[in-house]
N, C-alpha and C. Protein backbone atom coordinates (compact mmCIF):
# COMPACT_ATOMS: atom_id res chain seq x y z
N UNK A 1 109.69 90.26 72.95
CA UNK A 1 110.38 90.14 74.21
C UNK A 1 111.01 88.76 74.27
N UNK A 2 112.34 88.64 74.39
CA UNK A 2 112.95 87.32 74.44
C UNK A 2 112.59 86.59 75.72
N UNK A 3 112.36 85.30 75.61
CA UNK A 3 112.01 84.49 76.77
C UNK A 3 113.27 84.20 77.56
N UNK A 4 113.19 84.37 78.88
CA UNK A 4 114.32 84.10 79.76
C UNK A 4 114.12 82.69 80.32
N UNK A 5 115.10 81.84 80.13
CA UNK A 5 115.03 80.47 80.63
C UNK A 5 115.96 80.35 81.82
N UNK A 6 115.41 79.94 82.95
CA UNK A 6 116.19 79.81 84.17
C UNK A 6 116.99 78.52 84.16
N UNK A 7 118.20 78.61 84.67
CA UNK A 7 119.03 77.41 84.85
C UNK A 7 118.42 76.58 85.98
N UNK A 8 118.47 75.28 85.85
CA UNK A 8 117.88 74.39 86.85
C UNK A 8 118.66 74.48 88.16
N UNK A 9 117.94 74.57 89.28
CA UNK A 9 118.62 74.58 90.58
C UNK A 9 119.16 73.19 90.94
N UNK A 10 120.29 73.17 91.64
CA UNK A 10 120.81 71.89 92.11
C UNK A 10 120.12 71.54 93.44
N UNK A 11 120.51 70.42 94.04
CA UNK A 11 119.84 69.96 95.26
C UNK A 11 119.97 70.95 96.41
N UNK A 12 121.13 71.59 96.57
CA UNK A 12 121.30 72.57 97.65
C UNK A 12 120.41 73.79 97.39
N UNK A 13 120.37 74.26 96.14
CA UNK A 13 119.48 75.38 95.80
C UNK A 13 118.03 75.02 96.12
N UNK A 14 117.63 73.80 95.81
CA UNK A 14 116.26 73.36 96.09
C UNK A 14 115.97 73.40 97.59
N UNK A 15 116.91 72.97 98.40
CA UNK A 15 116.73 73.01 99.85
C UNK A 15 116.59 74.45 100.33
N UNK A 16 117.40 75.34 99.78
CA UNK A 16 117.33 76.76 100.15
C UNK A 16 115.96 77.33 99.78
N UNK A 17 115.53 77.09 98.55
CA UNK A 17 114.24 77.61 98.09
C UNK A 17 113.11 77.10 98.97
N UNK A 18 113.09 75.81 99.23
CA UNK A 18 112.02 75.23 100.04
C UNK A 18 112.04 75.78 101.46
N UNK A 19 113.22 75.95 102.03
CA UNK A 19 113.33 76.44 103.41
C UNK A 19 112.87 77.89 103.53
N UNK A 20 113.24 78.72 102.57
CA UNK A 20 113.00 80.16 102.68
C UNK A 20 111.58 80.59 102.34
N UNK A 21 110.70 79.66 102.06
CA UNK A 21 109.32 80.04 101.75
C UNK A 21 108.47 80.24 103.00
N UNK A 22 109.02 80.05 104.14
CA UNK A 22 108.28 80.28 105.37
C UNK A 22 109.23 80.27 106.55
N UNK A 23 108.80 80.90 107.61
CA UNK A 23 109.55 80.88 108.87
C UNK A 23 110.95 81.49 108.77
N UNK A 24 111.10 82.54 107.98
CA UNK A 24 112.38 83.24 107.93
C UNK A 24 112.64 83.80 109.32
N UNK A 25 113.78 83.51 109.91
CA UNK A 25 114.01 83.91 111.30
C UNK A 25 114.14 85.43 111.46
N UNK A 26 113.47 85.95 112.44
CA UNK A 26 113.54 87.38 112.76
C UNK A 26 114.54 87.56 113.89
N UNK A 27 115.81 87.49 113.54
CA UNK A 27 116.91 87.60 114.49
C UNK A 27 117.94 88.58 113.92
N UNK A 28 118.93 88.92 114.71
CA UNK A 28 119.94 89.89 114.28
C UNK A 28 120.72 89.44 113.05
N UNK A 29 120.98 88.14 112.93
CA UNK A 29 121.74 87.62 111.79
C UNK A 29 120.95 86.47 111.14
N UNK A 30 119.87 86.80 110.44
CA UNK A 30 118.99 85.74 109.92
C UNK A 30 119.66 84.82 108.90
N UNK A 31 120.52 85.36 108.04
CA UNK A 31 121.16 84.51 107.03
C UNK A 31 122.12 83.51 107.67
N UNK A 32 122.78 83.93 108.72
CA UNK A 32 123.66 83.01 109.45
C UNK A 32 122.85 81.87 110.05
N UNK A 33 121.69 82.22 110.62
CA UNK A 33 120.85 81.18 111.23
C UNK A 33 120.28 80.24 110.16
N UNK A 34 119.80 80.79 109.05
CA UNK A 34 119.29 79.95 107.96
C UNK A 34 120.39 79.02 107.46
N UNK A 35 121.56 79.59 107.24
CA UNK A 35 122.68 78.78 106.75
C UNK A 35 122.98 77.63 107.72
N UNK A 36 123.01 77.93 109.01
CA UNK A 36 123.29 76.89 110.00
C UNK A 36 122.22 75.80 109.96
N UNK A 37 120.96 76.18 109.85
CA UNK A 37 119.88 75.20 109.79
C UNK A 37 119.99 74.31 108.55
N UNK A 38 120.57 74.86 107.48
CA UNK A 38 120.71 74.11 106.23
C UNK A 38 122.06 73.39 106.12
N UNK A 39 122.92 73.57 107.13
CA UNK A 39 124.23 72.93 107.09
C UNK A 39 125.19 73.62 106.14
N UNK A 40 125.02 74.93 105.93
CA UNK A 40 125.88 75.72 105.05
C UNK A 40 126.55 76.80 105.87
N UNK A 41 127.51 77.49 105.27
CA UNK A 41 127.98 78.70 105.93
C UNK A 41 127.27 79.89 105.29
N UNK A 42 127.26 81.00 106.00
CA UNK A 42 126.51 82.18 105.58
C UNK A 42 126.97 82.69 104.20
N UNK A 43 128.27 82.69 103.96
CA UNK A 43 128.79 83.18 102.68
C UNK A 43 128.27 82.34 101.52
N UNK A 44 128.22 81.02 101.69
CA UNK A 44 127.71 80.16 100.61
C UNK A 44 126.23 80.41 100.37
N UNK A 45 125.46 80.56 101.45
CA UNK A 45 124.03 80.83 101.31
C UNK A 45 123.82 82.11 100.51
N UNK A 46 124.51 83.18 100.90
CA UNK A 46 124.35 84.47 100.21
C UNK A 46 124.79 84.38 98.75
N UNK A 47 125.89 83.66 98.50
CA UNK A 47 126.37 83.50 97.12
C UNK A 47 125.34 82.74 96.30
N UNK A 48 124.76 81.71 96.86
CA UNK A 48 123.77 80.91 96.13
C UNK A 48 122.50 81.73 95.86
N UNK A 49 122.06 82.53 96.82
CA UNK A 49 120.90 83.39 96.58
C UNK A 49 121.18 84.37 95.45
N UNK A 50 122.34 85.02 95.49
CA UNK A 50 122.72 85.94 94.42
C UNK A 50 122.76 85.24 93.06
N UNK A 51 123.35 84.05 93.03
CA UNK A 51 123.46 83.29 91.78
C UNK A 51 122.09 82.89 91.25
N UNK A 52 121.18 82.47 92.14
CA UNK A 52 119.85 82.09 91.69
C UNK A 52 119.08 83.28 91.14
N UNK A 53 119.27 84.45 91.74
CA UNK A 53 118.65 85.67 91.21
C UNK A 53 119.24 86.03 89.85
N UNK A 54 120.54 85.92 89.73
CA UNK A 54 121.22 86.24 88.46
C UNK A 54 120.79 85.28 87.34
N UNK A 55 120.64 84.00 87.67
CA UNK A 55 120.27 82.99 86.67
C UNK A 55 118.76 82.94 86.44
N UNK A 56 118.00 83.75 87.16
CA UNK A 56 116.54 83.80 87.05
C UNK A 56 115.85 82.55 87.58
N UNK A 57 116.55 81.77 88.42
CA UNK A 57 115.88 80.69 89.14
C UNK A 57 114.88 81.34 90.09
N UNK A 58 115.31 82.42 90.73
CA UNK A 58 114.43 83.28 91.54
C UNK A 58 114.33 84.61 90.80
N UNK A 59 113.13 85.17 90.74
CA UNK A 59 112.99 86.49 90.13
C UNK A 59 112.94 87.58 91.19
N UNK A 60 112.70 87.18 92.44
CA UNK A 60 112.63 88.14 93.53
C UNK A 60 112.87 87.38 94.82
N UNK A 61 113.56 88.02 95.76
CA UNK A 61 113.71 87.45 97.09
C UNK A 61 113.59 88.61 98.06
N UNK A 62 112.58 88.58 98.88
CA UNK A 62 112.39 89.65 99.85
C UNK A 62 111.05 89.50 100.54
N UNK A 63 110.79 90.39 101.48
CA UNK A 63 109.54 90.30 102.24
C UNK A 63 108.34 90.75 101.42
N UNK A 64 107.17 90.30 101.83
CA UNK A 64 105.90 90.76 101.27
C UNK A 64 105.28 91.66 102.34
N UNK A 65 104.87 92.85 101.94
CA UNK A 65 104.29 93.81 102.87
C UNK A 65 102.82 94.04 102.54
N UNK A 66 102.04 94.35 103.55
CA UNK A 66 100.69 94.83 103.33
C UNK A 66 100.81 96.34 103.21
N UNK A 67 100.92 96.80 101.98
CA UNK A 67 101.27 98.18 101.70
C UNK A 67 100.26 99.18 102.28
N UNK A 68 98.99 98.78 102.36
CA UNK A 68 97.98 99.69 102.91
C UNK A 68 98.26 100.01 104.38
N UNK A 69 98.78 99.04 105.12
CA UNK A 69 99.10 99.28 106.53
C UNK A 69 100.24 100.27 106.71
N UNK A 70 101.04 100.44 105.65
CA UNK A 70 102.15 101.39 105.68
C UNK A 70 101.75 102.72 105.04
N UNK A 71 100.46 102.88 104.69
CA UNK A 71 99.98 104.13 104.10
C UNK A 71 99.99 104.16 102.59
N UNK A 72 100.40 103.07 101.96
CA UNK A 72 100.47 103.03 100.50
C UNK A 72 99.25 102.38 99.89
N UNK A 73 99.38 102.04 98.62
CA UNK A 73 98.27 101.40 97.91
C UNK A 73 98.81 100.55 96.77
N UNK A 74 98.03 99.57 96.39
CA UNK A 74 98.35 98.83 95.18
C UNK A 74 97.06 98.43 94.49
N UNK A 75 97.18 98.19 93.19
CA UNK A 75 96.01 97.86 92.39
C UNK A 75 96.46 97.00 91.21
N UNK A 76 95.60 96.08 90.81
CA UNK A 76 95.82 95.34 89.59
C UNK A 76 95.31 96.21 88.45
N UNK A 77 96.08 96.29 87.39
CA UNK A 77 95.69 97.13 86.25
C UNK A 77 95.85 96.34 84.95
N UNK A 78 95.10 96.75 83.95
CA UNK A 78 95.16 96.07 82.66
C UNK A 78 95.12 97.09 81.53
N UNK A 79 95.63 96.64 80.38
CA UNK A 79 95.60 97.47 79.17
C UNK A 79 95.29 96.58 77.97
N UNK A 80 94.70 97.20 76.97
CA UNK A 80 94.48 96.55 75.68
C UNK A 80 95.56 97.08 74.75
N UNK A 81 96.55 96.24 74.47
CA UNK A 81 97.73 96.67 73.71
C UNK A 81 97.72 96.00 72.34
N UNK A 82 97.85 96.77 71.27
CA UNK A 82 97.94 96.14 69.95
C UNK A 82 99.11 95.16 69.91
N UNK A 83 98.86 93.97 69.40
CA UNK A 83 99.87 92.91 69.41
C UNK A 83 101.18 93.36 68.76
N UNK A 84 101.08 94.08 67.66
CA UNK A 84 102.29 94.51 66.95
C UNK A 84 103.13 95.48 67.77
N UNK A 85 102.53 96.11 68.77
CA UNK A 85 103.22 97.11 69.58
C UNK A 85 103.46 96.63 71.02
N UNK A 86 103.17 95.36 71.28
CA UNK A 86 103.20 94.85 72.65
C UNK A 86 104.56 95.03 73.32
N UNK A 87 105.64 94.65 72.67
CA UNK A 87 106.96 94.72 73.29
C UNK A 87 107.36 96.16 73.62
N UNK A 88 107.06 97.08 72.72
CA UNK A 88 107.40 98.49 72.95
C UNK A 88 106.61 99.04 74.14
N UNK A 89 105.32 98.74 74.18
CA UNK A 89 104.47 99.22 75.28
C UNK A 89 104.88 98.57 76.60
N UNK A 90 105.20 97.28 76.56
CA UNK A 90 105.65 96.59 77.78
C UNK A 90 106.90 97.25 78.34
N UNK A 91 107.84 97.62 77.47
CA UNK A 91 109.06 98.29 77.93
C UNK A 91 108.74 99.64 78.56
N UNK A 92 107.82 100.38 77.97
CA UNK A 92 107.42 101.68 78.54
C UNK A 92 106.77 101.49 79.90
N UNK A 93 105.84 100.54 80.00
CA UNK A 93 105.13 100.29 81.26
C UNK A 93 106.11 99.81 82.33
N UNK A 94 106.96 98.87 81.97
CA UNK A 94 107.89 98.30 82.94
C UNK A 94 108.93 99.29 83.43
N UNK A 95 109.12 100.39 82.71
CA UNK A 95 110.09 101.41 83.13
C UNK A 95 109.59 102.21 84.33
N UNK A 96 108.31 102.15 84.62
CA UNK A 96 107.77 102.88 85.77
C UNK A 96 108.10 102.13 87.06
N UNK A 97 108.66 102.82 88.04
CA UNK A 97 109.03 102.13 89.29
C UNK A 97 107.82 101.60 90.06
N UNK A 98 106.64 102.11 89.77
CA UNK A 98 105.43 101.64 90.45
C UNK A 98 104.92 100.32 89.91
N UNK A 99 105.48 99.85 88.79
CA UNK A 99 104.97 98.65 88.11
C UNK A 99 105.73 97.40 88.55
N UNK A 100 104.95 96.36 88.83
CA UNK A 100 105.52 95.05 89.15
C UNK A 100 104.65 93.99 88.52
N UNK A 101 105.21 92.82 88.35
CA UNK A 101 104.44 91.65 87.93
C UNK A 101 103.65 91.88 86.65
N UNK A 102 104.30 92.28 85.59
CA UNK A 102 103.63 92.51 84.32
C UNK A 102 103.45 91.18 83.59
N UNK A 103 102.22 90.87 83.21
CA UNK A 103 101.91 89.59 82.57
C UNK A 103 101.18 89.80 81.26
N UNK A 104 101.50 89.00 80.27
CA UNK A 104 100.76 88.96 79.01
C UNK A 104 99.65 87.92 79.15
N UNK A 105 98.45 88.27 78.69
CA UNK A 105 97.31 87.35 78.76
C UNK A 105 96.64 87.27 77.39
N UNK A 106 96.04 86.14 77.11
CA UNK A 106 95.24 85.99 75.90
C UNK A 106 93.82 86.41 76.23
N UNK A 107 93.55 87.69 76.00
CA UNK A 107 92.29 88.31 76.37
C UNK A 107 92.27 89.66 75.68
N UNK A 108 91.11 90.28 75.57
CA UNK A 108 91.06 91.63 75.00
C UNK A 108 91.97 92.57 75.79
N UNK A 109 91.96 92.44 77.11
CA UNK A 109 92.91 93.15 77.96
C UNK A 109 94.12 92.22 78.09
N UNK A 110 95.12 92.44 77.26
CA UNK A 110 96.21 91.46 77.13
C UNK A 110 97.45 91.78 77.96
N UNK A 111 97.50 92.91 78.62
CA UNK A 111 98.62 93.24 79.51
C UNK A 111 98.07 93.53 80.90
N UNK A 112 98.54 92.78 81.89
CA UNK A 112 98.10 92.95 83.28
C UNK A 112 99.32 93.19 84.14
N UNK A 113 99.22 94.13 85.07
CA UNK A 113 100.34 94.43 85.94
C UNK A 113 99.83 94.99 87.26
N UNK A 114 100.70 94.98 88.25
CA UNK A 114 100.38 95.52 89.56
C UNK A 114 101.04 96.88 89.69
N UNK A 115 100.28 97.84 90.18
CA UNK A 115 100.83 99.16 90.52
C UNK A 115 100.89 99.26 92.04
N UNK A 116 102.03 99.68 92.56
CA UNK A 116 102.19 99.88 94.01
C UNK A 116 102.77 101.27 94.22
N UNK A 117 102.12 102.03 95.10
CA UNK A 117 102.55 103.41 95.35
C UNK A 117 102.61 103.71 96.84
N UNK A 118 103.36 104.72 97.19
CA UNK A 118 103.55 105.09 98.59
C UNK A 118 102.30 105.69 99.22
N UNK A 119 101.39 106.22 98.39
CA UNK A 119 100.14 106.80 98.90
C UNK A 119 99.00 106.36 98.01
N UNK A 120 97.77 106.34 98.53
CA UNK A 120 96.63 105.98 97.68
C UNK A 120 96.49 106.91 96.45
N UNK A 121 96.78 108.18 96.61
CA UNK A 121 96.69 109.11 95.48
C UNK A 121 97.71 108.79 94.40
N UNK A 122 98.78 108.11 94.76
CA UNK A 122 99.81 107.76 93.79
C UNK A 122 99.31 106.84 92.69
N UNK A 123 98.27 106.06 92.97
CA UNK A 123 97.73 105.15 91.95
C UNK A 123 97.21 105.95 90.76
N UNK A 124 96.37 106.94 91.03
CA UNK A 124 95.82 107.77 89.94
C UNK A 124 96.94 108.47 89.18
N UNK A 125 97.96 108.93 89.90
CA UNK A 125 99.09 109.60 89.24
C UNK A 125 99.84 108.62 88.34
N UNK A 126 100.07 107.40 88.81
CA UNK A 126 100.78 106.40 88.02
C UNK A 126 99.96 106.00 86.79
N UNK A 127 98.66 105.82 86.96
CA UNK A 127 97.78 105.49 85.83
C UNK A 127 97.86 106.59 84.78
N UNK A 128 97.75 107.85 85.22
CA UNK A 128 97.80 108.98 84.28
C UNK A 128 99.15 109.04 83.57
N UNK A 129 100.22 108.79 84.28
CA UNK A 129 101.56 108.85 83.68
C UNK A 129 101.75 107.73 82.65
N UNK A 130 101.26 106.53 82.96
CA UNK A 130 101.37 105.42 82.01
C UNK A 130 100.52 105.69 80.77
N UNK A 131 99.33 106.22 80.97
CA UNK A 131 98.49 106.56 79.83
C UNK A 131 99.15 107.62 78.95
N UNK A 132 99.78 108.62 79.58
CA UNK A 132 100.47 109.66 78.81
C UNK A 132 101.65 109.08 78.03
N UNK A 133 102.39 108.18 78.65
CA UNK A 133 103.58 107.61 78.01
C UNK A 133 103.23 106.65 76.87
N UNK A 134 102.12 105.92 77.02
CA UNK A 134 101.79 104.89 76.04
C UNK A 134 100.72 105.31 75.03
N UNK A 135 99.92 106.32 75.41
CA UNK A 135 98.80 106.71 74.55
C UNK A 135 97.64 105.73 74.63
N UNK A 136 97.65 104.84 75.60
CA UNK A 136 96.60 103.83 75.75
C UNK A 136 95.95 103.95 77.13
N UNK A 137 94.65 103.63 77.23
CA UNK A 137 94.00 103.67 78.54
C UNK A 137 94.47 102.54 79.44
N UNK A 138 94.55 102.84 80.72
CA UNK A 138 94.87 101.86 81.76
C UNK A 138 93.59 101.65 82.56
N UNK A 139 93.25 100.38 82.79
CA UNK A 139 92.06 100.04 83.55
C UNK A 139 92.47 99.49 84.91
N UNK A 140 92.33 100.31 85.97
CA UNK A 140 92.70 99.82 87.31
C UNK A 140 91.55 99.02 87.93
N UNK A 141 91.90 97.95 88.62
CA UNK A 141 90.93 97.11 89.30
C UNK A 141 91.30 97.05 90.78
N UNK A 142 90.72 97.96 91.57
CA UNK A 142 91.07 97.97 92.99
C UNK A 142 90.57 96.73 93.72
N UNK A 143 91.28 96.39 94.77
CA UNK A 143 90.93 95.24 95.60
C UNK A 143 89.63 95.54 96.34
N UNK A 144 88.69 94.61 96.27
CA UNK A 144 87.44 94.76 97.00
C UNK A 144 87.47 94.04 98.34
N UNK A 145 88.21 92.93 98.39
CA UNK A 145 88.29 92.13 99.59
C UNK A 145 89.66 91.48 99.60
N UNK A 146 90.21 91.25 100.77
CA UNK A 146 91.54 90.62 100.86
C UNK A 146 91.41 89.22 101.41
N UNK A 147 92.16 88.32 100.78
CA UNK A 147 92.24 86.94 101.21
C UNK A 147 93.70 86.62 101.47
N UNK A 148 93.96 85.76 102.41
CA UNK A 148 95.31 85.29 102.63
C UNK A 148 95.35 83.82 102.27
N UNK A 149 96.15 83.52 101.26
CA UNK A 149 96.32 82.14 100.84
C UNK A 149 97.82 81.88 100.87
N UNK A 150 98.24 81.02 101.77
CA UNK A 150 99.66 80.70 101.84
C UNK A 150 99.98 79.68 100.76
N UNK A 151 100.96 80.03 99.93
CA UNK A 151 101.34 79.13 98.85
C UNK A 151 102.83 78.88 98.95
N UNK A 152 103.19 77.63 99.09
CA UNK A 152 104.59 77.26 99.12
C UNK A 152 104.87 76.37 97.92
N UNK A 153 105.84 76.77 97.14
CA UNK A 153 106.21 76.01 95.97
C UNK A 153 107.48 75.22 96.27
N UNK A 154 107.50 74.00 95.91
CA UNK A 154 108.68 73.17 96.19
C UNK A 154 109.47 72.95 94.91
N UNK A 155 110.75 73.25 95.02
CA UNK A 155 111.65 73.13 93.87
C UNK A 155 112.14 71.71 93.75
């Protein structure tokens, strides 16, 4: 898997990143309000967000939901993938729309990813489908307790 290297953000991008990590305004035109608070116009803000996503400065921009409150489910899952086949298996796993945040780890279980589904039953279905596609067992690790840790990263 080729490594993706993000282009360095400039000072305005850094201000945008730092500002958008909390207190996103819940108003009819939130991007206009954010832009005004940052001394930008809305079009520039949106263009810069798109550019940062395209350059991989940001890998995702959007809300975080508590999926269980909406009737869905998510689980951390792991697989033991032969090193020689890692890239092929990663591509198969990542092709599933239920998969997010796939990470390689130095451990017997060397592939870790999050499964998110619209219903709790969808987790078992996604696990079975990934196992069928890859020929490898998937080990789901359901959440036992929830913690809220606010983390703000400064660019």
